[in-house]
Amino acid sequence: MQVILLPVLMTLTMSAASAATTSALASQTPQLQPGLWETKAEMTLNGIDLPAMDDSDCVSEKSAKDARRYVTRYLEANDCQVTAWTYNAPALSIGVRCDNNFGKGSGLLKGTLTLSQFKMKGVIKTSTDMEFGLDFSGRYTRTCKK
């Protein structure tokens, strides 16, 4: 399964680990519509546009019930740590801290998340003066083919 947000961002950027979910945040956990999602990631590296990437992903019933877990799973797979998760429907803010051979970095992704779409933007700045910009969006399109 290929998902754009973090495989692309973290492949180009950095690494770290996952954060624990608190019971307070669990009560604010958004859900996604299970089915086929189309995503688009537009990135910049120190202000220079990188090629946009489009992808699609079949979100299972189980994964759809916990959007935080779904997103965090990709952060963890790319060795990145979620330092903050604030969701006040539909607003979403995700703090991220990473560390790899590009240097240590941190940033904030902000946007909206609903049952059928999400839009997030953010910047990760590293200790090596690299700056990665991300504009990431996705939308539910239909049920998945079996």
N, C-alpha and C. Protein backbone atom coordinates (compact mmCIF):
# COMPACT_ATOMS: atom_id res chain seq x y z
N MET A 1 0.84 -1.16 0.00
CA MET A 1 0.00 0.00 0.00
C MET A 1 0.90 1.23 0.00
N GLN A 2 0.63 2.11 -0.93
CA GLN A 2 1.47 3.31 -1.02
C GLN A 2 0.64 4.51 -0.65
N VAL A 3 1.10 5.26 0.31
CA VAL A 3 0.42 6.47 0.73
C VAL A 3 1.42 7.59 0.63
N ILE A 4 1.01 8.72 0.15
CA ILE A 4 1.92 9.81 -0.17
C ILE A 4 2.40 10.59 1.04
N LEU A 5 1.54 10.94 1.94
CA LEU A 5 1.91 11.91 2.97
C LEU A 5 3.27 11.66 3.57
N LEU A 6 3.45 10.59 4.23
CA LEU A 6 4.69 10.44 4.96
C LEU A 6 5.75 9.64 4.23
N PRO A 7 5.40 8.63 3.45
CA PRO A 7 6.49 8.00 2.72
C PRO A 7 7.25 9.01 1.87
N VAL A 8 6.55 9.89 1.19
CA VAL A 8 7.22 10.87 0.35
C VAL A 8 7.94 11.89 1.22
N LEU A 9 7.23 12.45 2.17
CA LEU A 9 7.83 13.47 3.02
C LEU A 9 9.03 12.94 3.78
N MET A 10 8.90 11.80 4.40
CA MET A 10 9.97 11.30 5.23
C MET A 10 11.10 10.67 4.42
N THR A 11 10.78 10.11 3.24
CA THR A 11 11.85 9.60 2.40
C THR A 11 12.77 10.74 2.01
N LEU A 12 12.19 11.88 1.74
CA LEU A 12 12.98 13.04 1.38
C LEU A 12 13.55 13.77 2.59
N THR A 13 12.99 13.52 3.75
CA THR A 13 13.40 14.31 4.91
C THR A 13 14.11 13.50 5.98
N MET A 14 13.42 13.04 6.99
CA MET A 14 14.07 12.56 8.20
C MET A 14 13.43 11.37 8.89
N SER A 15 13.78 11.14 10.20
CA SER A 15 13.29 9.98 10.92
C SER A 15 13.02 10.28 12.38
N ALA A 16 12.39 9.34 13.12
CA ALA A 16 12.15 9.40 14.58
C ALA A 16 11.26 8.24 15.02
N ALA A 17 10.36 8.38 16.04
CA ALA A 17 9.51 7.30 16.54
C ALA A 17 8.11 7.79 16.83
N SER A 18 7.21 6.97 17.38
CA SER A 18 5.81 7.37 17.56
C SER A 18 5.49 7.86 18.96
N ALA A 19 4.41 8.60 19.08
CA ALA A 19 3.97 9.11 20.39
C ALA A 19 2.77 8.30 20.88
N ALA A 20 2.59 8.27 22.19
CA ALA A 20 1.48 7.53 22.79
C ALA A 20 0.18 8.30 22.63
N THR A 21 -0.92 7.57 22.50
CA THR A 21 -2.23 8.17 22.42
C THR A 21 -2.80 8.32 23.83
N THR A 22 -3.27 9.50 24.16
CA THR A 22 -3.87 9.69 25.47
C THR A 22 -5.37 9.48 25.37
N SER A 23 -6.00 9.16 26.50
CA SER A 23 -7.44 8.92 26.47
C SER A 23 -8.20 10.18 26.10
N ALA A 24 -7.68 11.35 26.46
CA ALA A 24 -8.34 12.61 26.09
C ALA A 24 -8.35 12.78 24.59
N LEU A 25 -7.25 12.46 23.93
CA LEU A 25 -7.19 12.58 22.48
C LEU A 25 -8.03 11.51 21.81
N ALA A 26 -8.09 10.33 22.40
CA ALA A 26 -8.86 9.24 21.81
C ALA A 26 -10.33 9.64 21.66
N SER A 27 -10.84 10.43 22.60
CA SER A 27 -12.24 10.86 22.52
C SER A 27 -12.45 11.85 21.38
N GLN A 28 -11.38 12.46 20.89
CA GLN A 28 -11.48 13.41 19.79
C GLN A 28 -11.02 12.80 18.47
N THR A 29 -10.91 11.50 18.41
CA THR A 29 -10.39 10.85 17.22
C THR A 29 -11.39 10.92 16.07
N PRO A 30 -10.96 11.54 14.98
CA PRO A 30 -11.83 11.62 13.81
C PRO A 30 -11.88 10.29 13.07
N GLN A 31 -12.92 10.13 12.27
CA GLN A 31 -13.06 8.94 11.45
C GLN A 31 -13.00 9.34 9.98
N LEU A 32 -12.70 8.34 9.16
CA LEU A 32 -12.68 8.51 7.71
C LEU A 32 -13.77 7.64 7.10
N GLN A 33 -14.19 7.99 5.92
CA GLN A 33 -15.10 7.16 5.14
C GLN A 33 -14.29 5.98 4.61
N PRO A 34 -14.67 4.75 4.93
CA PRO A 34 -13.93 3.62 4.36
C PRO A 34 -14.13 3.57 2.85
N GLY A 35 -13.08 3.23 2.13
CA GLY A 35 -13.17 3.14 0.69
C GLY A 35 -11.94 3.71 0.01
N LEU A 36 -12.07 4.00 -1.26
CA LEU A 36 -10.95 4.48 -2.05
C LEU A 36 -10.75 5.98 -1.85
N TRP A 37 -9.52 6.33 -1.49
CA TRP A 37 -9.13 7.72 -1.29
C TRP A 37 -8.08 8.09 -2.33
N GLU A 38 -8.21 9.28 -2.91
CA GLU A 38 -7.20 9.83 -3.81
C GLU A 38 -6.47 10.92 -3.05
N THR A 39 -5.14 10.90 -3.13
CA THR A 39 -4.33 11.88 -2.42
C THR A 39 -3.40 12.61 -3.37
N LYS A 40 -3.01 13.81 -2.96
CA LYS A 40 -2.06 14.59 -3.73
C LYS A 40 -1.11 15.27 -2.75
N ALA A 41 0.19 15.17 -3.04
CA ALA A 41 1.20 15.81 -2.21
C ALA A 41 2.02 16.74 -3.08
N GLU A 42 2.08 18.00 -2.69
CA GLU A 42 2.93 18.98 -3.35
C GLU A 42 3.96 19.42 -2.32
N MET A 43 5.24 19.36 -2.71
CA MET A 43 6.31 19.65 -1.77
C MET A 43 7.27 20.67 -2.35
N THR A 44 7.95 21.35 -1.42
CA THR A 44 9.04 22.24 -1.79
C THR A 44 10.25 21.89 -0.93
N LEU A 45 11.42 22.10 -1.46
CA LEU A 45 12.67 21.93 -0.73
C LEU A 45 13.42 23.25 -0.83
N ASN A 46 13.52 23.93 0.30
CA ASN A 46 14.14 25.27 0.34
C ASN A 46 13.53 26.19 -0.72
N GLY A 47 12.19 26.12 -0.85
CA GLY A 47 11.47 26.99 -1.77
C GLY A 47 11.39 26.52 -3.20
N ILE A 48 12.06 25.43 -3.54
CA ILE A 48 12.05 24.90 -4.90
C ILE A 48 10.98 23.81 -4.99
N ASP A 49 10.09 23.94 -5.96
CA ASP A 49 9.02 22.96 -6.14
C ASP A 49 9.58 21.60 -6.53
N LEU A 50 9.08 20.57 -5.88
CA LEU A 50 9.38 19.19 -6.25
C LEU A 50 8.18 18.66 -7.02
N PRO A 51 8.36 17.60 -7.81
CA PRO A 51 7.22 17.06 -8.56
C PRO A 51 6.07 16.66 -7.63
N ALA A 52 4.86 17.06 -8.00
CA ALA A 52 3.66 16.66 -7.25
C ALA A 52 3.46 15.16 -7.41
N MET A 53 2.90 14.54 -6.40
CA MET A 53 2.66 13.11 -6.46
C MET A 53 1.20 12.83 -6.14
N ASP A 54 0.57 12.03 -6.98
CA ASP A 54 -0.80 11.59 -6.77
C ASP A 54 -0.79 10.11 -6.43
N ASP A 55 -1.74 9.69 -5.62
CA ASP A 55 -1.83 8.29 -5.24
C ASP A 55 -3.27 7.97 -4.89
N SER A 56 -3.56 6.69 -4.76
CA SER A 56 -4.86 6.25 -4.27
C SER A 56 -4.62 5.12 -3.28
N ASP A 57 -5.54 5.00 -2.34
CA ASP A 57 -5.39 4.04 -1.25
C ASP A 57 -6.75 3.56 -0.81
N CYS A 58 -6.88 2.26 -0.63
CA CYS A 58 -8.13 1.69 -0.14
C CYS A 58 -8.08 1.65 1.39
N VAL A 59 -8.89 2.48 2.04
CA VAL A 59 -8.93 2.56 3.49
C VAL A 59 -9.95 1.55 4.01
N SER A 60 -9.48 0.61 4.84
CA SER A 60 -10.35 -0.44 5.37
C SER A 60 -11.32 0.11 6.42
N GLU A 61 -12.36 -0.66 6.73
CA GLU A 61 -13.32 -0.30 7.78
C GLU A 61 -12.58 -0.05 9.10
N LYS A 62 -11.66 -0.94 9.43
CA LYS A 62 -10.92 -0.83 10.68
C LYS A 62 -10.07 0.44 10.72
N SER A 63 -9.31 0.71 9.67
CA SER A 63 -8.47 1.90 9.61
C SER A 63 -9.30 3.17 9.60
N ALA A 64 -10.46 3.14 8.99
CA ALA A 64 -11.31 4.32 8.88
C ALA A 64 -11.85 4.77 10.23
N LYS A 65 -11.95 3.86 11.18
CA LYS A 65 -12.51 4.20 12.50
C LYS A 65 -11.57 5.06 13.33
N ASP A 66 -10.31 5.13 12.96
CA ASP A 66 -9.36 5.90 13.74
C ASP A 66 -8.37 6.60 12.81
N ALA A 67 -8.73 7.80 12.37
CA ALA A 67 -7.88 8.54 11.44
C ALA A 67 -6.52 8.85 12.05
N ARG A 68 -6.47 9.09 13.36
CA ARG A 68 -5.18 9.36 14.00
C ARG A 68 -4.25 8.16 13.84
N ARG A 69 -4.76 7.00 14.14
CA ARG A 69 -3.95 5.78 14.02
C ARG A 69 -3.52 5.57 12.57
N TYR A 70 -4.43 5.82 11.65
CA TYR A 70 -4.14 5.65 10.22
C TYR A 70 -2.99 6.57 9.80
N VAL A 71 -3.06 7.85 10.17
CA VAL A 71 -2.01 8.80 9.82
C VAL A 71 -0.72 8.48 10.57
N THR A 72 -0.83 8.22 11.86
CA THR A 72 0.35 7.94 12.69
C THR A 72 1.09 6.71 12.22
N ARG A 73 0.36 5.74 11.72
CA ARG A 73 0.97 4.51 11.21
C ARG A 73 2.00 4.82 10.13
N TYR A 74 1.69 5.78 9.28
CA TYR A 74 2.63 6.14 8.21
C TYR A 74 3.79 6.98 8.74
N LEU A 75 3.53 7.76 9.75
CA LEU A 75 4.63 8.48 10.41
C LEU A 75 5.60 7.49 11.02
N GLU A 76 5.06 6.52 11.74
CA GLU A 76 5.90 5.51 12.39
C GLU A 76 6.67 4.69 11.37
N ALA A 77 6.02 4.35 10.26
CA ALA A 77 6.68 3.56 9.22
C ALA A 77 7.86 4.31 8.62
N ASN A 78 7.82 5.63 8.74
CA ASN A 78 8.89 6.46 8.21
C ASN A 78 9.72 7.10 9.32
N ASP A 79 9.68 6.44 10.48
CA ASP A 79 10.50 6.85 11.62
C ASP A 79 10.34 8.31 12.01
N CYS A 80 9.10 8.75 12.11
CA CYS A 80 8.82 10.12 12.53
C CYS A 80 7.93 10.08 13.78
N GLN A 81 8.09 11.05 14.63
CA GLN A 81 7.35 11.10 15.89
C GLN A 81 6.27 12.18 15.84
N VAL A 82 5.07 11.83 16.24
CA VAL A 82 3.99 12.80 16.40
C VAL A 82 4.16 13.41 17.78
N THR A 83 4.40 14.70 17.84
CA THR A 83 4.60 15.36 19.13
C THR A 83 3.33 16.01 19.64
N ALA A 84 2.38 16.23 18.75
CA ALA A 84 1.10 16.83 19.15
C ALA A 84 0.04 16.46 18.13
N TRP A 85 -1.17 16.26 18.62
CA TRP A 85 -2.32 15.97 17.76
C TRP A 85 -3.50 16.71 18.36
N THR A 86 -3.98 17.73 17.66
CA THR A 86 -5.12 18.49 18.14
C THR A 86 -6.19 18.47 17.06
N TYR A 87 -7.35 17.94 17.42
CA TYR A 87 -8.46 17.86 16.47
C TYR A 87 -9.70 18.45 17.12
N ASN A 88 -10.15 19.57 16.56
CA ASN A 88 -11.42 20.20 16.93
C ASN A 88 -12.18 20.36 15.63
N ALA A 89 -13.01 19.38 15.33
CA ALA A 89 -13.66 19.25 14.04
C ALA A 89 -14.08 20.59 13.45
N PRO A 90 -13.69 20.84 12.21
CA PRO A 90 -12.86 19.99 11.34
C PRO A 90 -11.37 20.32 11.40
N ALA A 91 -10.95 21.22 12.28
CA ALA A 91 -9.55 21.66 12.32
C ALA A 91 -8.62 20.58 12.88
N LEU A 92 -7.47 20.42 12.24
CA LEU A 92 -6.48 19.43 12.66
C LEU A 92 -5.10 20.09 12.67
N SER A 93 -4.34 19.80 13.72
CA SER A 93 -2.97 20.28 13.84
C SER A 93 -2.12 19.11 14.31
N ILE A 94 -1.02 18.82 13.58
CA ILE A 94 -0.14 17.71 13.92
C ILE A 94 1.28 18.23 14.05
N GLY A 95 1.85 18.10 15.24
CA GLY A 95 3.26 18.42 15.44
C GLY A 95 4.11 17.21 15.10
N VAL A 96 5.23 17.44 14.43
CA VAL A 96 6.10 16.35 13.98
C VAL A 96 7.55 16.67 14.34
N ARG A 97 8.26 15.65 14.80
CA ARG A 97 9.71 15.80 15.05
C ARG A 97 10.40 14.64 14.36
N CYS A 98 11.48 14.95 13.65
CA CYS A 98 12.19 13.94 12.87
C CYS A 98 13.70 14.11 13.06
N ASP A 99 14.44 13.06 12.69
CA ASP A 99 15.90 13.08 12.84
C ASP A 99 16.49 12.05 11.89
N ASN A 100 17.34 12.51 10.96
CA ASN A 100 18.06 11.58 10.08
C ASN A 100 19.33 12.25 9.57
N ASN A 101 19.89 11.73 8.47
CA ASN A 101 21.16 12.27 7.97
C ASN A 101 21.04 13.68 7.38
N PHE A 102 19.81 14.20 7.22
CA PHE A 102 19.64 15.58 6.82
C PHE A 102 19.71 16.52 8.02
N GLY A 103 19.64 15.95 9.22
CA GLY A 103 19.65 16.73 10.46
C GLY A 103 18.36 16.54 11.23
N LYS A 104 18.34 17.09 12.41
CA LYS A 104 17.13 17.04 13.22
C LYS A 104 16.18 18.12 12.74
N GLY A 105 14.89 17.80 12.78
CA GLY A 105 13.92 18.78 12.31
C GLY A 105 12.59 18.64 13.01
N SER A 106 11.80 19.69 12.92
CA SER A 106 10.46 19.65 13.47
C SER A 106 9.57 20.58 12.67
N GLY A 107 8.29 20.37 12.81
CA GLY A 107 7.35 21.21 12.08
C GLY A 107 5.93 20.97 12.52
N LEU A 108 5.03 21.64 11.85
CA LEU A 108 3.63 21.58 12.18
C LEU A 108 2.82 21.48 10.90
N LEU A 109 1.90 20.52 10.85
CA LEU A 109 0.96 20.40 9.75
C LEU A 109 -0.38 20.89 10.25
N LYS A 110 -1.02 21.79 9.52
CA LYS A 110 -2.32 22.33 9.93
C LYS A 110 -3.29 22.24 8.77
N GLY A 111 -4.56 22.02 9.11
CA GLY A 111 -5.57 21.96 8.07
C GLY A 111 -6.89 21.49 8.60
N THR A 112 -7.62 20.77 7.74
CA THR A 112 -8.93 20.27 8.11
C THR A 112 -9.04 18.78 7.77
N LEU A 113 -9.91 18.11 8.51
CA LEU A 113 -10.16 16.69 8.31
C LEU A 113 -11.63 16.43 8.56
N THR A 114 -12.29 15.86 7.55
CA THR A 114 -13.69 15.47 7.68
C THR A 114 -13.80 14.01 7.28
N LEU A 115 -14.99 13.49 7.34
CA LEU A 115 -15.23 12.10 6.97
C LEU A 115 -14.82 11.80 5.53
N SER A 116 -14.91 12.79 4.64
CA SER A 116 -14.69 12.54 3.21
C SER A 116 -13.53 13.31 2.58
N GLN A 117 -12.81 14.14 3.36
CA GLN A 117 -11.65 14.83 2.78
C GLN A 117 -10.74 15.39 3.85
N PHE A 118 -9.51 15.67 3.45
CA PHE A 118 -8.57 16.36 4.33
C PHE A 118 -7.66 17.25 3.50
N LYS A 119 -7.19 18.31 4.13
CA LYS A 119 -6.24 19.24 3.52
C LYS A 119 -5.32 19.70 4.63
N MET A 120 -4.01 19.55 4.41
CA MET A 120 -3.02 19.95 5.40
C MET A 120 -1.85 20.64 4.72
N LYS A 121 -1.30 21.63 5.41
CA LYS A 121 -0.09 22.31 4.94
C LYS A 121 0.86 22.43 6.12
N GLY A 122 2.13 22.44 5.81
CA GLY A 122 3.09 22.64 6.88
C GLY A 122 4.51 22.74 6.37
N VAL A 123 5.41 23.04 7.31
CA VAL A 123 6.83 23.18 7.02
C VAL A 123 7.61 22.44 8.09
N ILE A 124 8.63 21.70 7.65
CA ILE A 124 9.57 21.06 8.57
C ILE A 124 10.93 21.70 8.33
N LYS A 125 11.48 22.27 9.37
CA LYS A 125 12.80 22.91 9.29
C LYS A 125 13.81 22.03 10.00
N THR A 126 14.98 21.87 9.40
CA THR A 126 16.01 21.01 9.99
C THR A 126 17.17 21.83 10.53
N SER A 127 17.97 21.18 11.34
CA SER A 127 19.16 21.82 11.91
C SER A 127 20.22 22.09 10.85
N THR A 128 20.07 21.51 9.67
CA THR A 128 21.02 21.73 8.57
C THR A 128 20.50 22.78 7.59
N ASP A 129 19.57 23.61 8.06
CA ASP A 129 19.02 24.71 7.27
C ASP A 129 18.24 24.26 6.04
N MET A 130 17.71 23.05 6.07
CA MET A 130 16.82 22.61 5.00
C MET A 130 15.39 22.85 5.46
N GLU A 131 14.55 23.25 4.52
CA GLU A 131 13.15 23.51 4.84
C GLU A 131 12.28 22.77 3.83
N PHE A 132 11.42 21.88 4.36
CA PHE A 132 10.52 21.11 3.52
C PHE A 132 9.11 21.62 3.71
N GLY A 133 8.49 22.05 2.63
CA GLY A 133 7.10 22.48 2.67
C GLY A 133 6.23 21.36 2.13
N LEU A 134 5.06 21.19 2.72
CA LEU A 134 4.14 20.13 2.30
C LEU A 134 2.73 20.68 2.21
N ASP A 135 2.08 20.42 1.09
CA ASP A 135 0.66 20.70 0.90
C ASP A 135 0.06 19.35 0.51
N PHE A 136 -0.68 18.75 1.44
CA PHE A 136 -1.18 17.39 1.27
C PHE A 136 -2.69 17.38 1.38
N SER A 137 -3.34 16.73 0.43
CA SER A 137 -4.80 16.66 0.46
C SER A 137 -5.26 15.28 0.01
N GLY A 138 -6.46 14.93 0.43
CA GLY A 138 -7.04 13.66 0.03
C GLY A 138 -8.55 13.76 0.06
N ARG A 139 -9.18 12.89 -0.72
CA ARG A 139 -10.65 12.86 -0.73
C ARG A 139 -11.14 11.45 -1.01
N TYR A 140 -12.25 11.14 -0.39
CA TYR A 140 -12.92 9.87 -0.61
C TYR A 140 -13.54 9.91 -2.00
N THR A 141 -13.40 8.81 -2.76
CA THR A 141 -13.98 8.80 -4.11
C THR A 141 -15.09 7.76 -4.30
N ARG A 142 -14.91 6.57 -3.72
CA ARG A 142 -15.91 5.52 -3.89
C ARG A 142 -15.55 4.32 -3.03
N THR A 143 -16.40 3.31 -3.02
CA THR A 143 -16.07 2.08 -2.31
C THR A 143 -14.95 1.36 -3.06
N CYS A 144 -14.22 0.55 -2.34
CA CYS A 144 -13.11 -0.19 -2.95
C CYS A 144 -13.65 -1.42 -3.68
N LYS A 145 -12.99 -1.73 -4.79
CA LYS A 145 -13.35 -2.96 -5.52
C LYS A 145 -12.79 -4.14 -4.76
N LYS A 146 -13.54 -5.21 -4.71
CA LYS A 146 -13.10 -6.41 -4.00
C LYS A 146 -12.48 -7.39 -4.93
